[in-house]
Amino acid sequence: MRLKLLCSVRVWVLMGLACVACTAVAAAESQRIYRCGNAYTNQPDPTANCKPLAGGSVTVIEGTRVQVPQAVVPNSNASGGAGAAKVDAGEQRQRDAQAQTVLQAELQKALKQHADLLREWNNGEPERRADDVRQPQKYQDRVVQLRGALQRAEADVAGLQRELLRLAPPTHTGGKP
């Protein structure tokens, strides 16, 4: 008798666990998540190319709200179209001088690098190294890399010179402007 009672309790417990498992599976199926482009949803749009996601759950974290810029009251004595901050002439000259100093230093560095590359380039015949003799392809690859580096260095020098010319104060030769 006691054995029958113990068996029936086990059967009821197993049946209860089976019901819980079935409910969990049904709940999981109803919560299936789909990816439709960059959006995730549990209600896919039939017209969109939605694909079900396998395994795991998706956690959605709300982003911060975009702050709307407040209305800017135009200053009555400010002239200018884009609302840029005006800087007095002395401060602007100081900034231009500082920029020119930085560009000059960069130009000197670029010219030195260009001269070093030209010396190594040796009119298209770089000096062969020990491993270049045994592996001619390695030498050809080095020549191609050197040519590219030389072209980049020339472009850097030209760009820095253009910037320096742009920052240079206009010079008048005594004639009318």
Protein backbone atom coordinates (compact mmCIF):
# COMPACT_ATOMS: atom_id res chain seq x y z
CA MET A 1 0.00 0.00 0.00
CA ARG A 2 2.70 2.37 0.96
CA LEU A 3 4.60 1.55 -2.25
CA LYS A 4 1.52 2.33 -4.33
CA LEU A 5 1.10 5.66 -2.58
CA LEU A 6 4.76 6.54 -3.16
CA CYS A 7 4.50 5.62 -6.85
CA SER A 8 1.36 7.68 -7.32
CA VAL A 9 3.04 10.71 -5.66
CA ARG A 10 5.99 10.33 -8.04
CA VAL A 11 3.63 10.12 -11.00
CA TRP A 12 1.84 13.30 -9.89
CA VAL A 13 5.14 15.13 -9.39
CA LEU A 14 6.39 14.04 -12.80
CA MET A 15 3.11 15.09 -14.40
CA GLY A 16 3.34 18.47 -12.69
CA LEU A 17 6.91 18.95 -13.93
CA ALA A 18 5.84 17.96 -17.43
CA CYS A 19 3.03 20.54 -17.34
CA VAL A 20 5.45 23.25 -16.18
CA ALA A 21 7.90 22.33 -18.93
CA CYS A 22 5.15 22.40 -21.58
CA THR A 23 4.00 25.80 -20.34
CA ALA A 24 7.58 27.13 -20.48
CA VAL A 25 8.04 25.84 -24.02
CA ALA A 26 4.74 27.37 -25.10
CA ALA A 27 5.69 30.68 -23.51
CA ALA A 28 9.08 30.58 -25.21
CA GLU A 29 7.46 29.90 -28.57
CA SER A 30 5.09 32.83 -28.13
CA GLN A 31 8.06 35.06 -27.31
CA ARG A 32 10.00 34.20 -30.47
CA ILE A 33 12.08 37.18 -31.56
CA TYR A 34 12.63 38.22 -35.17
CA ARG A 35 15.17 40.51 -36.74
CA CYS A 36 13.74 42.73 -39.45
CA GLY A 37 16.69 44.74 -40.81
CA ASN A 38 18.04 46.69 -37.84
CA ALA A 39 14.88 46.27 -35.77
CA TYR A 40 14.05 43.43 -33.38
CA THR A 41 10.44 42.45 -32.83
CA ASN A 42 8.20 39.62 -31.68
CA GLN A 43 5.58 40.57 -34.29
CA PRO A 44 7.27 40.24 -37.70
CA ASP A 45 6.06 42.22 -40.66
CA PRO A 46 5.18 39.86 -43.54
CA THR A 47 6.45 42.36 -46.13
CA ALA A 48 9.83 42.79 -44.43
CA ASN A 49 12.61 40.23 -44.64
CA CYS A 50 12.32 39.07 -41.01
CA LYS A 51 14.42 36.18 -39.74
CA PRO A 52 13.87 34.39 -36.43
CA LEU A 53 16.70 34.57 -33.92
CA ALA A 54 17.87 31.29 -32.47
CA GLY A 55 18.70 30.95 -28.79
CA GLY A 56 19.34 33.59 -26.21
CA SER A 57 17.25 36.58 -25.45
CA VAL A 58 17.49 40.14 -26.69
CA THR A 59 17.96 42.89 -24.16
CA VAL A 60 16.83 46.33 -25.27
CA ILE A 61 18.53 49.27 -23.63
CA GLU A 62 16.90 52.61 -24.13
CA GLY A 63 19.30 55.23 -25.47
CA THR A 64 19.61 58.75 -24.18
CA ARG A 65 17.30 61.32 -25.60
CA VAL A 66 18.68 63.77 -28.12
CA GLN A 67 18.89 67.19 -26.61
CA VAL A 68 17.07 69.74 -28.68
CA PRO A 69 19.09 72.91 -29.07
CA GLN A 70 17.46 75.87 -27.40
CA ALA A 71 16.54 78.87 -29.46
CA VAL A 72 19.50 81.17 -29.88
CA VAL A 73 18.80 84.84 -29.45
CA PRO A 74 20.86 86.72 -32.03
CA ASN A 75 23.16 89.37 -30.64
CA SER A 76 22.20 92.81 -31.89
CA ASN A 77 25.78 94.05 -32.37
CA ALA A 78 27.14 90.86 -33.96
CA SER A 79 27.55 90.91 -37.69
CA GLY A 80 28.15 87.77 -39.70
CA GLY A 81 26.11 85.07 -41.26
CA ALA A 82 26.94 81.75 -39.63
CA GLY A 83 26.97 82.88 -36.01
CA ALA A 84 30.69 82.09 -35.67
CA ALA A 85 32.43 83.54 -32.66
CA LYS A 86 34.42 86.65 -33.49
CA VAL A 87 38.02 86.79 -32.40
CA ASP A 88 39.94 90.01 -32.14
CA ALA A 89 42.69 90.61 -34.68
CA GLY A 90 45.58 90.26 -32.22
CA GLU A 91 44.43 86.86 -31.03
CA GLN A 92 43.86 85.70 -34.62
CA ARG A 93 47.39 86.79 -35.60
CA GLN A 94 48.73 84.85 -32.62
CA ARG A 95 46.79 81.74 -33.68
CA ASP A 96 48.00 82.10 -37.26
CA ALA A 97 51.60 82.48 -36.09
CA GLN A 98 51.28 79.38 -33.92
CA ALA A 99 49.75 77.40 -36.79
CA GLN A 100 52.52 78.57 -39.09
CA THR A 101 55.16 77.48 -36.57
CA VAL A 102 53.61 74.02 -36.29
CA LEU A 103 53.36 73.72 -40.08
CA GLN A 104 57.01 74.80 -40.47
CA ALA A 105 58.11 72.10 -38.02
CA GLU A 106 56.01 69.49 -39.84
CA LEU A 107 57.43 70.64 -43.17
CA GLN A 108 61.00 70.31 -41.90
CA LYS A 109 60.26 66.80 -40.65
CA ALA A 110 58.60 65.85 -43.96
CA LEU A 111 61.52 67.27 -45.97
CA LYS A 112 64.01 65.29 -43.87
CA GLN A 113 61.98 62.11 -44.37
CA HIS A 114 61.76 62.83 -48.11
CA ALA A 115 65.53 63.35 -48.32
CA ASP A 116 66.15 60.07 -46.47
CA LEU A 117 63.82 58.22 -48.83
CA LEU A 118 65.48 59.80 -51.87
CA ARG A 119 68.88 58.73 -50.58
CA GLU A 120 67.62 55.17 -50.06
CA TRP A 121 65.79 55.22 -53.43
CA ASN A 122 69.11 55.89 -55.25
CA ASN A 123 67.47 56.83 -58.59
CA GLY A 124 65.33 53.72 -58.68
CA GLU A 125 68.16 51.32 -57.78
CA PRO A 126 68.10 50.88 -54.00
CA GLU A 127 71.13 49.18 -52.54
CA ARG A 128 70.65 45.43 -52.40
CA ARG A 129 70.70 43.79 -49.01
CA ALA A 130 72.01 40.32 -48.26
CA ASP A 131 68.57 38.68 -48.31
CA ASP A 132 67.63 40.56 -51.53
CA VAL A 133 70.33 38.67 -53.45
CA ARG A 134 68.87 35.30 -52.48
CA GLN A 135 65.26 36.40 -52.92
CA PRO A 136 64.82 38.76 -55.90
CA GLN A 137 61.06 39.09 -55.28
CA LYS A 138 61.78 40.52 -51.86
CA TYR A 139 63.93 43.21 -53.50
CA GLN A 140 61.16 44.05 -55.99
CA ASP A 141 58.63 44.33 -53.15
CA ARG A 142 60.96 46.66 -51.27
CA VAL A 143 61.39 48.83 -54.38
CA VAL A 144 57.60 49.09 -54.77
CA GLN A 145 57.18 49.99 -51.09
CA LEU A 146 59.94 52.56 -51.34
CA ARG A 147 58.35 54.14 -54.42
CA GLY A 148 55.00 54.39 -52.60
CA ALA A 149 56.62 55.90 -49.50
CA LEU A 150 58.46 58.41 -51.67
CA GLN A 151 55.24 59.45 -53.41
CA ARG A 152 53.45 59.85 -50.07
CA ALA A 153 56.32 61.94 -48.71
CA GLU A 154 56.20 64.18 -51.81
CA ALA A 155 52.44 64.61 -51.37
CA ASP A 156 52.94 65.47 -47.69
CA VAL A 157 55.54 68.11 -48.53
CA ALA A 158 53.30 69.61 -51.23
CA GLY A 159 50.31 69.72 -48.88
CA LEU A 160 52.28 71.37 -46.10
CA GLN A 161 53.65 73.96 -48.53
CA ARG A 162 50.11 74.71 -49.74
CA GLU A 163 48.96 75.22 -46.16
CA LEU A 164 51.88 77.51 -45.44
CA LEU A 165 51.09 79.58 -48.54
CA ARG A 166 47.48 79.79 -47.44
CA LEU A 167 48.52 81.10 -44.01
CA ALA A 168 51.18 83.48 -45.34
CA PRO A 169 50.15 87.13 -45.15
CA PRO A 170 49.50 88.72 -48.54
CA THR A 171 52.45 90.74 -49.78
CA HIS A 172 51.97 93.86 -51.90
CA THR A 173 54.69 94.95 -54.28
CA GLY A 174 53.85 98.61 -54.14
CA GLY A 175 51.21 98.57 -56.89
CA LYS A 176 47.51 99.02 -56.45
CA PRO A 177 45.71 95.97 -55.14
